[in-house]
Amino acid sequence: MGGGNGQKAKMAREKNLEKQKAAGKGSQLEKNKKAMSIQCKVCMQTFMCTTSEVKCREHAEAKHPKSDVYACFPHLKP
């Protein structure tokens, strides 16, 4: 006989996993690594490309109080 609900669920999970692999979906980790495009020039810490100017300034003031904000993040210069 066989074919209980547990087996059907397992088969459905395996089928969905194969679909995700084929479609290139799944883990967001690789995309997150590529999005880390803003870098502090003093300590080389990276930030997401969507990081605001306020967050950059907060980092510079907290981590590098002796350095200028523009020394850390030259892209912020007007």
Protein backbone atom coordinates (compact mmCIF):
# COMPACT_ATOMS: atom_id res chain seq x y z
CA MET A 1 0.00 0.00 0.00
CA GLY A 2 2.13 2.93 1.25
CA GLY A 3 1.66 6.50 0.11
CA GLY A 4 0.60 8.07 3.40
CA ASN A 5 0.51 11.78 4.10
CA GLY A 6 4.07 11.78 5.40
CA GLN A 7 5.41 10.31 2.20
CA LYS A 8 3.37 12.72 0.07
CA ALA A 9 4.70 15.69 2.03
CA LYS A 10 8.27 14.46 1.64
CA MET A 11 7.84 14.06 -2.09
CA ALA A 12 6.32 17.53 -2.37
CA ARG A 13 9.25 19.06 -0.45
CA GLU A 14 11.78 17.31 -2.69
CA LYS A 15 9.92 18.42 -5.81
CA ASN A 16 9.79 22.05 -4.62
CA LEU A 17 13.50 21.98 -3.73
CA GLU A 18 14.33 20.82 -7.27
CA LYS A 19 12.18 23.62 -8.71
CA GLN A 20 13.95 26.23 -6.59
CA LYS A 21 17.37 24.99 -7.65
CA ALA A 22 16.32 25.08 -11.31
CA ALA A 23 14.93 28.60 -11.00
CA GLY A 24 18.05 29.89 -9.20
CA LYS A 25 16.09 30.90 -6.13
CA GLY A 26 16.81 30.02 -2.55
CA SER A 27 19.54 31.55 -0.47
CA GLN A 28 19.87 35.32 -0.45
CA LEU A 29 23.45 35.21 0.86
CA GLU A 30 25.22 35.60 -2.49
CA LYS A 31 23.08 38.57 -3.47
CA ASN A 32 23.70 40.19 -0.08
CA LYS A 33 27.47 39.84 -0.51
CA LYS A 34 27.31 41.55 -3.89
CA ALA A 35 25.20 44.39 -2.45
CA MET A 36 27.88 45.29 0.11
CA SER A 37 29.28 48.07 -2.04
CA ILE A 38 29.87 50.93 0.42
CA GLN A 39 33.12 50.65 2.33
CA CYS A 40 34.64 52.69 5.13
CA LYS A 41 38.11 53.69 3.91
CA VAL A 42 39.53 53.73 7.44
CA CYS A 43 38.52 50.31 8.81
CA MET A 44 37.37 48.69 5.53
CA GLN A 45 33.99 47.68 6.99
CA THR A 46 31.41 47.17 4.25
CA PHE A 47 27.81 48.34 4.18
CA MET A 48 24.81 47.53 2.01
CA CYS A 49 24.32 49.72 -1.05
CA THR A 50 21.04 50.94 0.46
CA THR A 51 22.74 52.34 3.57
CA SER A 52 21.76 55.94 4.19
CA GLU A 53 24.09 58.88 4.70
CA VAL A 54 22.91 59.07 8.31
CA LYS A 55 24.15 55.54 9.02
CA CYS A 56 27.50 56.33 7.42
CA ARG A 57 27.85 59.43 9.58
CA GLU A 58 26.90 57.44 12.71
CA HIS A 59 29.58 54.88 11.92
CA ALA A 60 32.22 57.55 11.36
CA GLU A 61 31.37 59.38 14.59
CA ALA A 62 31.20 56.22 16.70
CA LYS A 63 34.16 54.28 15.31
CA HIS A 64 36.48 57.03 14.04
CA PRO A 65 35.93 60.20 16.10
CA LYS A 66 39.33 61.61 15.16
CA SER A 67 38.78 61.14 11.43
CA ASP A 68 36.63 63.28 9.17
CA VAL A 69 33.37 61.75 7.88
CA TYR A 70 34.58 62.33 4.32
CA ALA A 71 37.83 60.47 5.06
CA CYS A 72 35.74 57.40 5.89
CA PHE A 73 33.20 57.79 3.12
CA PRO A 74 34.51 59.93 0.23
CA HIS A 75 31.34 59.32 -1.80
CA LEU A 76 29.44 61.60 0.62
CA LYS A 77 31.33 64.73 -0.49
CA PRO A 78 28.95 67.25 -2.06
